[in-house]
Protein backbone atom coordinates (compact mmCIF):
# COMPACT_ATOMS: atom_id res chain seq x y z
CA MET A 1 29.08 -31.95 -189.15
CA ASP A 2 30.43 -28.44 -188.56
CA VAL A 3 29.49 -26.24 -185.60
CA LYS A 4 26.88 -24.30 -187.57
CA ASP A 5 25.05 -27.46 -188.68
CA PHE A 6 25.30 -28.90 -185.17
CA LEU A 7 23.71 -25.83 -183.60
CA LYS A 8 21.06 -25.77 -186.32
CA SER A 9 20.18 -29.40 -185.55
CA LEU A 10 19.60 -28.57 -181.88
CA PHE A 11 16.93 -26.01 -182.78
CA ARG A 12 15.14 -27.87 -185.58
CA THR A 13 11.36 -27.50 -185.25
CA LYS A 14 8.45 -29.79 -186.01
CA ALA A 15 5.86 -28.28 -188.35
CA VAL A 16 2.56 -27.19 -186.81
CA GLU A 17 0.84 -28.94 -189.73
CA ALA A 18 2.49 -32.23 -188.71
CA TYR A 19 1.01 -31.89 -185.23
CA GLN A 20 -2.41 -31.05 -186.67
CA LYS A 21 -2.24 -34.18 -188.82
CA GLU A 22 -1.26 -36.29 -185.76
CA ALA A 23 -4.28 -34.90 -183.91
CA GLN A 24 -6.52 -36.63 -186.47
CA GLN A 25 -5.00 -40.07 -185.76
CA THR A 26 -4.11 -39.96 -182.07
CA GLY A 27 -5.00 -43.60 -181.31
CA LEU A 28 -6.54 -42.53 -178.00
CA ARG A 29 -10.28 -42.64 -177.26
CA ARG A 30 -11.98 -39.24 -177.59
CA ALA A 31 -14.40 -39.21 -174.67
CA LEU A 32 -13.90 -35.89 -172.82
CA GLY A 33 -16.42 -33.07 -173.17
CA ARG A 34 -16.00 -29.46 -172.04
CA TRP A 35 -17.03 -29.92 -168.39
CA SER A 36 -15.16 -33.20 -168.02
CA LEU A 37 -12.03 -31.26 -168.98
CA VAL A 38 -12.86 -28.50 -166.48
CA SER A 39 -13.35 -31.19 -163.83
CA LEU A 40 -9.94 -32.68 -164.63
CA GLY A 41 -8.37 -29.25 -164.18
CA ILE A 42 -10.11 -28.67 -160.86
CA GLY A 43 -9.28 -32.23 -159.81
CA ALA A 44 -5.57 -31.61 -160.31
CA ILE A 45 -5.44 -28.11 -158.85
CA ILE A 46 -7.45 -28.50 -155.65
CA GLY A 47 -5.62 -30.79 -153.29
CA GLY A 48 -1.99 -30.26 -152.50
CA GLY A 49 -2.31 -26.50 -152.15
CA ILE A 50 -5.18 -26.31 -149.70
CA PHE A 51 -4.55 -29.48 -147.76
CA THR A 52 -0.74 -29.55 -147.51
CA LEU A 53 0.95 -26.27 -148.46
CA THR A 54 -1.10 -23.49 -146.89
CA GLY A 55 0.35 -24.34 -143.47
CA VAL A 56 4.01 -24.04 -144.50
CA ALA A 57 3.42 -20.94 -146.64
CA ALA A 58 1.44 -19.04 -143.97
CA LYS A 59 3.32 -20.16 -140.86
CA LEU A 60 6.87 -19.72 -142.16
CA TYR A 61 6.71 -17.11 -144.93
CA ALA A 62 3.61 -15.01 -145.60
CA GLY A 63 1.54 -14.90 -142.41
CA PRO A 64 -2.00 -13.56 -142.99
CA ALA A 65 -0.80 -12.22 -146.37
CA LEU A 66 -1.06 -15.78 -147.71
CA ALA A 67 -4.08 -14.60 -149.72
CA LEU A 68 -1.75 -12.19 -151.57
CA SER A 69 0.61 -15.08 -152.33
CA PHE A 70 -2.28 -16.97 -153.94
CA VAL A 71 -3.26 -13.87 -155.93
CA ILE A 72 0.34 -13.45 -157.20
CA ALA A 73 0.71 -17.14 -158.10
CA GLY A 74 -2.77 -17.16 -159.66
CA PHE A 75 -1.98 -14.06 -161.75
CA ALA A 76 1.25 -15.66 -163.02
CA CYS A 77 -0.73 -18.78 -163.89
CA LEU A 78 -3.48 -16.79 -165.64
CA LEU A 79 -0.96 -15.20 -168.00
CA ALA A 80 0.48 -18.63 -168.77
CA ALA A 81 -3.02 -20.14 -169.02
CA MET A 82 -3.98 -17.78 -171.84
CA ALA A 83 -0.80 -18.73 -173.70
CA TYR A 84 -1.58 -22.44 -173.18
CA ALA A 85 -5.15 -21.88 -174.36
CA GLU A 86 -4.00 -20.23 -177.61
CA PHE A 87 -1.54 -23.03 -178.32
CA ALA A 88 -4.08 -25.72 -177.48
CA SER A 89 -6.41 -24.24 -180.11
CA ILE A 90 -3.64 -24.35 -182.75
CA VAL A 91 -1.90 -27.62 -181.86
CA PRO A 92 -4.60 -29.87 -180.29
CA VAL A 93 -2.27 -32.74 -179.30
CA GLU A 94 -1.35 -34.39 -176.01
CA GLY A 95 2.19 -32.95 -175.85
CA SER A 96 1.29 -29.75 -173.98
CA ALA A 97 4.27 -27.42 -173.35
CA TYR A 98 6.66 -29.95 -174.89
CA ALA A 99 4.81 -29.95 -178.23
CA TYR A 100 4.32 -26.18 -178.23
CA SER A 101 8.07 -25.62 -177.76
CA TYR A 102 8.94 -28.21 -180.43
CA ALA A 103 6.76 -26.37 -182.95
CA THR A 104 8.32 -22.97 -182.28
CA VAL A 105 11.63 -22.83 -180.38
CA GLY A 106 13.35 -26.10 -181.27
CA GLU A 107 14.10 -29.69 -180.30
CA ILE A 108 16.58 -29.19 -177.47
CA VAL A 109 14.28 -26.70 -175.75
CA ALA A 110 11.32 -29.05 -176.23
CA TRP A 111 13.31 -31.92 -174.74
CA PHE A 112 14.35 -29.77 -171.78
CA ILE A 113 10.69 -28.83 -171.18
CA GLY A 114 9.60 -32.49 -171.45
CA TRP A 115 12.34 -33.47 -169.01
CA ASN A 116 11.25 -30.83 -166.49
CA LEU A 117 7.62 -31.83 -166.84
CA ILE A 118 8.69 -35.08 -165.17
CA LEU A 119 9.24 -32.93 -162.08
CA GLU A 120 5.81 -31.38 -162.48
CA TYR A 121 3.79 -34.50 -163.08
CA MET A 122 5.50 -37.66 -161.82
CA MET A 123 7.36 -36.13 -158.86
CA GLY A 124 4.33 -33.95 -158.13
CA ALA A 125 2.13 -37.05 -158.00
CA THR A 126 4.67 -38.80 -155.74
CA THR A 127 4.68 -35.84 -153.35
CA VAL A 128 0.90 -35.98 -153.23
CA ALA A 129 1.01 -39.76 -152.60
CA VAL A 130 3.15 -39.14 -149.50
CA ALA A 131 0.80 -36.33 -148.40
CA TRP A 132 -2.17 -38.68 -148.95
CA SER A 133 -0.49 -41.24 -146.70
CA GLY A 134 -0.21 -38.63 -143.94
CA TYR A 135 -3.88 -37.69 -144.21
CA PHE A 136 -4.94 -41.35 -144.36
CA GLU A 137 -3.00 -41.97 -141.14
CA LYS A 138 -4.79 -39.00 -139.53
CA LEU A 139 -8.14 -40.40 -140.67
CA LEU A 140 -7.33 -43.73 -139.00
CA HIS A 141 -6.32 -41.90 -135.81
CA LEU A 142 -9.73 -40.21 -135.70
CA PHE A 143 -11.20 -43.70 -135.38
CA ASP A 144 -8.53 -44.71 -132.85
CA ILE A 145 -6.67 -46.96 -135.30
CA HIS A 146 -2.89 -46.65 -135.01
CA LEU A 147 -0.54 -48.37 -137.45
CA PRO A 148 3.14 -48.95 -136.52
CA TYR A 149 5.29 -45.99 -137.59
CA TRP A 150 7.52 -48.28 -139.68
CA LEU A 151 4.49 -49.18 -141.80
CA VAL A 152 3.54 -45.59 -142.72
CA ASN A 153 6.97 -44.01 -143.25
CA ASP A 154 9.94 -44.46 -145.56
CA PRO A 155 13.05 -46.04 -143.94
CA PHE A 156 14.80 -42.68 -143.41
CA THR A 157 11.81 -41.01 -141.77
CA ALA A 158 11.14 -44.15 -139.70
CA ALA A 159 14.74 -44.12 -138.42
CA LYS A 160 14.33 -40.46 -137.43
CA LYS A 161 11.12 -41.27 -135.54
CA ALA A 162 12.89 -44.17 -133.80
CA ARG A 163 15.58 -41.78 -132.55
CA GLU A 164 12.88 -39.42 -131.26
CA LEU A 165 11.36 -42.35 -129.35
CA ASN A 166 14.81 -43.52 -128.12
CA GLU A 167 14.34 -46.82 -129.93
CA ALA A 168 16.57 -48.83 -132.24
CA ALA A 169 15.90 -48.19 -135.93
CA PRO A 170 13.41 -50.76 -137.33
CA PRO A 171 14.97 -53.46 -139.58
CA PHE A 172 12.38 -52.68 -142.27
CA ALA A 173 10.15 -49.70 -143.01
CA ILE A 174 7.80 -48.80 -145.86
CA ASN A 175 5.19 -46.16 -146.51
CA LEU A 176 2.55 -48.79 -147.22
CA PRO A 177 -0.41 -46.40 -147.73
CA GLY A 178 1.68 -44.44 -150.28
CA PHE A 179 2.55 -47.68 -152.08
CA LEU A 180 -1.05 -48.92 -152.20
CA ILE A 181 -2.62 -45.62 -153.33
CA SER A 182 -0.05 -45.37 -156.13
CA TRP A 183 -1.18 -48.72 -157.51
CA LEU A 184 -4.88 -47.94 -157.04
CA VAL A 185 -4.48 -44.77 -159.12
CA THR A 186 -2.39 -46.64 -161.72
CA SER A 187 -5.03 -49.37 -162.06
CA ILE A 188 -7.77 -46.78 -162.71
CA LEU A 189 -5.62 -45.10 -165.37
CA LEU A 190 -4.91 -48.43 -167.08
CA ARG A 191 -8.62 -49.11 -167.56
CA GLY A 192 -9.33 -46.12 -169.79
CA ILE A 193 -10.09 -42.40 -169.99
CA LYS A 194 -13.86 -42.78 -169.38
CA GLU A 195 -13.26 -44.65 -166.13
CA THR A 196 -10.64 -42.09 -165.09
CA ALA A 197 -12.94 -39.15 -165.86
CA SER A 198 -15.89 -40.70 -163.99
CA THR A 199 -13.78 -41.36 -160.90
CA ASN A 200 -12.37 -37.84 -161.06
CA ASN A 201 -15.84 -36.24 -161.38
CA LEU A 202 -17.05 -37.97 -158.22
CA ILE A 203 -13.97 -36.95 -156.23
CA VAL A 204 -14.11 -33.35 -157.48
CA PHE A 205 -17.74 -33.10 -156.32
CA ILE A 206 -16.69 -34.26 -152.83
CA LYS A 207 -13.71 -31.99 -152.42
CA VAL A 208 -15.26 -28.82 -153.88
CA GLY A 209 -18.09 -29.37 -151.40
CA ALA A 210 -15.51 -29.71 -148.61
CA VAL A 211 -13.69 -26.53 -149.67
CA LEU A 212 -16.97 -24.58 -149.71
CA PHE A 213 -17.69 -26.02 -146.25
CA VAL A 214 -14.30 -24.79 -144.99
CA ILE A 215 -14.97 -21.28 -146.31
CA LEU A 216 -18.59 -20.96 -145.18
CA ALA A 217 -18.21 -22.69 -141.79
CA GLY A 218 -14.90 -20.94 -141.08
CA LEU A 219 -16.47 -17.50 -141.55
CA PHE A 220 -18.27 -17.95 -138.21
CA PHE A 221 -14.99 -18.44 -136.32
CA ILE A 222 -12.89 -15.59 -137.72
CA ASN A 223 -11.15 -13.25 -135.29
CA PRO A 224 -10.03 -10.14 -137.26
CA ASP A 225 -7.19 -9.61 -134.75
CA ASN A 226 -5.46 -12.64 -136.29
CA TRP A 227 -4.99 -10.64 -139.51
CA THR A 228 -2.87 -8.00 -137.73
CA PRO A 229 -0.24 -7.31 -138.89
CA PHE A 230 -1.38 -8.47 -142.32
CA ILE A 231 2.22 -8.59 -143.60
CA PRO A 232 4.48 -9.43 -140.60
CA GLU A 233 7.87 -7.77 -140.21
CA PRO A 234 10.63 -9.60 -142.14
CA GLU A 235 12.94 -12.03 -140.29
CA ILE A 236 16.17 -13.69 -141.52
CA ASP A 237 17.08 -17.21 -140.40
CA ALA A 238 20.56 -18.73 -139.93
CA ALA A 239 20.61 -19.98 -143.55
CA GLY A 240 19.96 -16.49 -144.89
CA ASN A 241 16.37 -17.16 -145.98
CA ILE A 242 13.93 -14.28 -145.46
CA HIS A 243 10.67 -14.97 -143.67
CA TYR A 244 7.65 -12.62 -143.77
CA GLY A 245 7.61 -9.15 -145.27
CA TRP A 246 7.10 -8.77 -149.03
CA SER A 247 10.00 -11.12 -149.71
CA GLY A 248 8.23 -13.78 -147.64
CA VAL A 249 5.00 -13.16 -149.56
CA PHE A 250 6.80 -13.81 -152.87
CA THR A 251 8.59 -16.90 -151.49
CA ALA A 252 5.22 -18.20 -150.31
CA ALA A 253 3.90 -17.56 -153.84
CA THR A 254 6.57 -19.91 -155.26
CA ILE A 255 5.57 -22.52 -152.66
CA VAL A 256 1.80 -22.32 -153.24
CA PHE A 257 2.46 -22.22 -156.99
CA PHE A 258 2.60 -26.01 -156.60
CA ALA A 259 -1.10 -25.77 -155.76
CA TYR A 260 -1.89 -24.47 -159.24
CA ILE A 261 -0.07 -27.24 -161.05
CA GLY A 262 -2.83 -28.99 -162.88
CA PHE A 263 -4.49 -26.48 -165.17
CA ASP A 264 -1.84 -27.21 -167.79
CA ALA A 265 -2.58 -30.94 -167.41
CA VAL A 266 -5.84 -30.16 -169.22
CA SER A 267 -3.76 -29.45 -172.35
CA THR A 268 -2.28 -32.97 -172.17
CA GLN A 269 -5.80 -34.34 -172.69
CA ALA A 270 -6.26 -32.79 -176.13
CA GLY A 271 -5.84 -36.23 -177.71
CA GLU A 272 -8.84 -37.49 -175.74
CA ALA A 273 -11.07 -34.39 -175.99
CA ILE A 274 -14.12 -34.57 -178.26
CA ASN A 275 -13.62 -30.99 -179.49
CA PRO A 276 -10.09 -30.06 -178.40
CA ARG A 277 -9.68 -26.79 -180.33
CA ARG A 278 -12.70 -25.25 -178.60
CA ASP A 279 -13.04 -27.05 -175.28
CA VAL A 280 -9.41 -27.35 -174.08
CA PRO A 281 -8.79 -23.56 -174.08
CA PHE A 282 -12.09 -23.00 -172.23
CA ALA A 283 -11.28 -25.67 -169.62
CA ILE A 284 -7.75 -24.34 -169.00
CA VAL A 285 -8.94 -20.83 -168.14
CA ALA A 286 -12.18 -21.84 -166.37
CA SER A 287 -10.56 -24.38 -164.02
CA LEU A 288 -7.86 -21.86 -163.06
CA LEU A 289 -10.31 -19.03 -162.30
CA ILE A 290 -12.63 -21.26 -160.24
CA THR A 291 -9.82 -22.69 -158.10
CA THR A 292 -8.10 -19.33 -157.58
CA LEU A 293 -11.28 -17.92 -156.02
CA LEU A 294 -11.57 -20.98 -153.76
CA TYR A 295 -7.90 -20.74 -152.71
CA ILE A 296 -8.17 -17.07 -151.79
CA GLY A 297 -11.30 -17.80 -149.74
CA VAL A 298 -9.65 -20.64 -147.83
CA SER A 299 -6.45 -18.67 -147.09
CA VAL A 300 -8.42 -15.69 -145.74
CA VAL A 301 -10.50 -17.96 -143.50
CA LEU A 302 -7.59 -20.07 -142.18
CA THR A 303 -5.43 -17.12 -141.15
CA GLY A 304 -8.51 -15.47 -139.58
CA MET A 305 -9.51 -18.50 -137.49
CA VAL A 306 -6.21 -18.94 -135.62
CA PRO A 307 -2.92 -16.99 -135.37
CA TYR A 308 -0.80 -18.00 -138.39
CA LYS A 309 2.02 -19.37 -136.20
CA MET A 310 -0.40 -21.89 -134.68
CA LEU A 311 -1.20 -23.55 -138.02
CA ASP A 312 0.02 -27.13 -138.36
CA GLU A 313 2.46 -27.37 -141.28
CA ARG A 314 1.24 -30.88 -142.25
CA ALA A 315 -2.52 -30.44 -141.79
CA PRO A 316 -3.29 -26.70 -141.68
CA VAL A 317 -7.02 -26.85 -142.42
CA ALA A 318 -7.80 -29.47 -139.79
CA SER A 319 -5.58 -27.69 -137.23
CA ALA A 320 -7.37 -24.35 -137.82
CA PHE A 321 -10.77 -25.86 -137.03
CA ALA A 322 -9.36 -27.76 -134.05
CA GLY A 323 -7.80 -24.51 -132.77
CA ALA A 324 -11.18 -22.80 -133.10
CA GLY A 325 -12.79 -25.57 -131.03
CA VAL A 326 -14.66 -27.19 -133.93
CA GLU A 327 -13.23 -30.68 -133.50
CA TRP A 328 -16.00 -32.46 -135.42
CA ALA A 329 -15.10 -30.56 -138.60
CA THR A 330 -11.77 -32.38 -138.73
CA TYR A 331 -13.62 -35.58 -139.74
CA ILE A 332 -15.12 -33.89 -142.84
CA ILE A 333 -11.87 -32.13 -143.76
CA THR A 334 -9.67 -35.19 -143.31
CA PHE A 335 -12.01 -37.42 -145.30
CA ALA A 336 -12.21 -34.80 -148.08
CA ALA A 337 -8.40 -34.55 -148.15
CA VAL A 338 -8.03 -38.34 -148.38
CA ALA A 339 -10.52 -38.47 -151.26
CA GLY A 340 -9.43 -35.22 -152.89
CA LEU A 341 -5.75 -35.99 -153.16
CA ILE A 342 -6.56 -39.12 -155.18
CA SER A 343 -7.83 -37.03 -158.10
CA VAL A 344 -4.66 -34.90 -158.00
CA MET A 345 -2.59 -38.06 -158.47
CA LEU A 346 -4.95 -39.28 -161.20
CA VAL A 347 -4.62 -36.16 -163.33
CA MET A 348 -0.88 -35.75 -162.76
CA LEU A 349 -0.08 -39.33 -163.81
CA LEU A 350 -2.53 -38.95 -166.69
CA GLY A 351 -0.59 -35.87 -167.83
CA GLN A 352 2.81 -37.53 -167.41
CA THR A 353 1.99 -40.55 -169.56
CA ARG A 354 0.54 -38.33 -172.33
CA ILE A 355 3.69 -36.16 -172.36
CA PHE A 356 5.79 -39.33 -172.63
CA LEU A 357 3.52 -40.53 -175.46
CA ALA A 358 4.13 -37.32 -177.42
CA MET A 359 7.91 -37.54 -176.88
CA ALA A 360 7.93 -41.21 -177.95
CA LYS A 361 6.07 -40.36 -181.17
CA ASP A 362 8.92 -37.97 -181.99
CA GLY A 363 11.55 -40.62 -181.21
CA LEU A 364 12.98 -38.82 -178.16
CA LEU A 365 11.91 -41.71 -175.89
CA PRO A 366 11.70 -45.46 -176.68
CA GLU A 367 8.48 -45.87 -178.66
CA GLY A 368 8.01 -49.52 -177.71
CA ILE A 369 7.50 -48.55 -174.06
CA PHE A 370 6.18 -44.98 -174.04
CA GLY A 371 4.35 -44.98 -177.36
CA TYR A 372 2.47 -48.28 -176.99
CA ILE A 373 -1.34 -47.88 -176.98
CA HIS A 374 -3.36 -50.80 -175.56
CA PRO A 375 -5.69 -52.13 -178.30
CA LYS A 376 -8.64 -52.58 -175.93
CA TYR A 377 -8.32 -49.81 -173.33
CA LYS A 378 -6.83 -47.19 -175.72
CA THR A 379 -4.37 -46.05 -173.03
CA PRO A 380 -0.55 -45.80 -173.05
CA PHE A 381 -0.47 -49.06 -171.09
CA ARG A 382 3.25 -49.79 -170.66
CA SER A 383 4.12 -46.18 -169.91
CA THR A 384 1.38 -46.01 -167.25
CA LEU A 385 2.66 -49.22 -165.63
CA LEU A 386 6.25 -47.92 -165.57
CA VAL A 387 5.32 -44.51 -164.17
CA GLY A 388 3.07 -46.14 -161.55
CA ALA A 389 5.88 -48.47 -160.48
CA ILE A 390 8.38 -45.62 -160.12
CA MET A 391 5.85 -43.54 -158.19
CA SER A 392 4.96 -46.40 -155.82
CA LEU A 393 8.59 -47.23 -155.01
CA THR A 394 9.57 -43.59 -154.54
CA ALA A 395 6.59 -42.90 -152.27
CA SER A 396 7.38 -46.07 -150.28
CA PHE A 397 11.10 -45.73 -149.67
CA VAL A 398 12.31 -42.17 -150.40
CA PRO A 399 11.81 -39.17 -148.09
CA ILE A 400 10.13 -36.35 -150.02
CA VAL A 401 11.72 -33.11 -148.79
CA ASN A 402 11.19 -29.77 -150.55
CA VAL A 403 10.10 -31.57 -153.71
CA SER A 404 7.04 -29.32 -154.05
CA GLU A 405 9.21 -26.23 -154.56
CA LEU A 406 11.48 -28.10 -156.97
CA THR A 407 8.36 -29.18 -158.85
CA SER A 408 7.21 -25.55 -159.01
CA LEU A 409 10.51 -24.54 -160.62
CA GLY A 410 10.01 -27.07 -163.43
CA THR A 411 6.49 -25.77 -163.97
CA LEU A 412 7.56 -22.11 -163.93
CA LEU A 413 10.14 -22.86 -166.61
CA ALA A 414 7.49 -24.58 -168.75
CA PHE A 415 5.13 -21.62 -168.32
CA THR A 416 7.89 -19.18 -169.27
CA LEU A 417 8.74 -20.99 -172.49
CA VAL A 418 5.10 -21.46 -173.50
CA SER A 419 4.52 -17.72 -173.04
CA LEU A 420 7.58 -16.95 -175.20
CA SER A 421 6.57 -19.58 -177.77
CA VAL A 422 3.18 -17.91 -178.32
CA PHE A 423 5.03 -14.63 -178.94
CA ILE A 424 7.39 -16.31 -181.44
CA LEU A 425 4.58 -18.13 -183.30
CA ARG A 426 2.53 -14.92 -183.66
CA ILE A 427 5.52 -13.41 -185.49
CA LYS A 428 6.62 -16.49 -187.49
CA ARG A 429 3.16 -17.78 -188.49
CA PRO A 430 0.61 -14.93 -188.31
CA GLU A 431 -1.60 -16.68 -190.90
CA LEU A 432 -2.37 -19.73 -188.72
CA GLU A 433 -5.98 -20.22 -187.69
CA ARG A 434 -6.33 -19.45 -183.98
CA PRO A 435 -9.76 -20.43 -182.59
CA TYR A 436 -8.63 -18.80 -179.31
CA LYS A 437 -6.32 -15.79 -179.27
CA ALA A 438 -4.73 -14.59 -176.02
CA PRO A 439 -5.82 -10.97 -175.41
CA LEU A 440 -3.54 -7.94 -175.01
CA TRP A 441 -0.74 -9.42 -177.11
CA PRO A 442 2.24 -9.05 -176.69
CA LEU A 443 1.75 -7.91 -173.06
CA VAL A 444 0.27 -11.24 -171.97
CA SER A 445 3.06 -13.30 -173.57
CA LEU A 446 6.02 -11.22 -172.44
CA GLY A 447 4.41 -10.33 -169.10
CA GLY A 448 3.76 -14.02 -168.40
CA ALA A 449 7.39 -14.87 -169.12
CA LEU A 450 8.74 -12.07 -166.91
CA VAL A 451 6.44 -12.85 -163.96
CA ASN A 452 7.36 -16.53 -164.05
CA ILE A 453 11.11 -15.78 -164.28
CA PHE A 454 10.75 -13.44 -161.28
CA LEU A 455 8.98 -16.15 -159.25
CA MET A 456 11.76 -18.61 -160.15
CA SER A 457 14.32 -16.13 -158.79
CA GLN A 458 12.50 -16.07 -155.45
CA ALA A 459 13.04 -19.81 -154.81
CA ARG A 460 15.45 -20.95 -152.11
CA LYS A 461 19.09 -21.34 -153.19
CA GLU A 462 19.29 -25.06 -152.40
CA ASN A 463 16.32 -25.76 -154.65
CA LEU A 464 17.79 -23.70 -157.49
CA ARG A 465 20.99 -25.78 -157.23
CA ALA A 466 19.03 -29.06 -157.24
CA PHE A 467 17.05 -27.82 -160.25
CA ALA A 468 20.28 -27.02 -162.12
CA ILE A 469 21.58 -30.55 -161.43
CA TRP A 470 18.32 -32.06 -162.69
CA GLY A 471 18.53 -29.93 -165.85
CA ALA A 472 22.16 -30.98 -166.49
CA LEU A 473 21.15 -34.65 -166.14
CA GLY A 474 18.39 -34.09 -168.72
CA LEU A 475 20.79 -32.58 -171.24
CA LEU A 476 23.11 -35.55 -170.75
CA VAL A 477 20.27 -37.95 -171.62
CA TYR A 478 19.40 -35.85 -174.66
CA PHE A 479 22.89 -35.91 -176.14
CA LEU A 480 23.51 -39.58 -175.31
CA TYR A 481 20.17 -40.93 -176.60
CA SER A 482 17.38 -38.61 -177.72
CA ARG A 483 19.23 -36.44 -180.24
CA ARG A 484 20.39 -39.50 -182.24
CA LYS A 485 16.98 -41.22 -182.09
CA SER A 486 14.96 -38.12 -182.99
CA LYS A 487 12.72 -38.72 -186.02
CA LEU A 488 13.55 -35.26 -187.31
CA HIS A 489 17.24 -36.17 -187.11
CA GLN A 490 16.72 -39.44 -188.94
């Protein structure tokens, strides 16, 4: 094979018509209506952002301007959401950004997107499992139950705590709550999409109620002086990172961007939606708009209740109410966080297994593992078991540091390429039926790509390096395995 043929093989595309044919014989159970899909989007989005990231973003980077960071991240997501919605109406399959790229840009780009979606979904779910463990521990403390530190932390974090206590490092340590919640979520997913959706609906009802409580109750404890200055003067730390000022606001936007990860998970459920071409686009945009309004409300209230530097990085919402003297509210908030983070894990693992399923159908992953559909439950059974096992072990024994920002980078790249893919498909295939068309084309497509690239550039240097290493590893896997096994290649 000469160089020209080799390069051509890297950018071979899968016909849109082939995807549309696959959508008719997905093998999955179609059980999700319009509002179930919206609920899945809300279930994935609300959780990590409000309960775990607002503290870091406000205290270290944005100050009271955290609300602006949510607006910026939400705007970037809205541009991408409209691109996702258009694609979901054309290619109603479970592959999401991976499938959209395969149909327009080419195989190697699609593989790279699928590889980076592992960061978004599986590593995102693992990060949330560790955060859930922290909130579960806080819930136990409220009832004066204290587990040994070596039972609620990975070995590395436990050793660090031992040094702080001037003790010898424990011979064994495990984040047991993280391990157990990983398997609880996996067991729900194994049972089927109806059971998953019902569990998610209940949890979403609880946590949306808790978020509204935070906003409405917090309004009575706001001190407007805490919003001054709204954008604090910029500071530079020893590592060269800029805190506060407009640069800090944009850095905070890349951090809280993790909070929005989830609306695109709705597109991975196209194979299980009753009317995917109509309902998936609606659910993508609706879930994003609803959660953006809630996020802005919470960030305004939190930074108004206490000075931003007093927010607890691990539990910002609970610390804000405690700082305002409303100790009893911490019970409601902590319980809502413990329940709410479960649905984030549910939807993220749900999305990951459906992406793997799409890649396995194309031969880029082993079909016997990732493409196997259980005859009774109609779920990707083996893939779900494998992903659950990896998640449980990682949450139990590996310290999760800065993974949320790394996860955001993978998502931003996916959003960028989906935005560009919509632009390309409008030019290449103008005759395709589009039940939903993104407005203001090409401004939405190109604007979405540019905004997401800009947000990627605002990430910290160490995370950009780690992301580059992850990407290089993905390309290695592609050339050693996936390119040869690709069904288009064969």
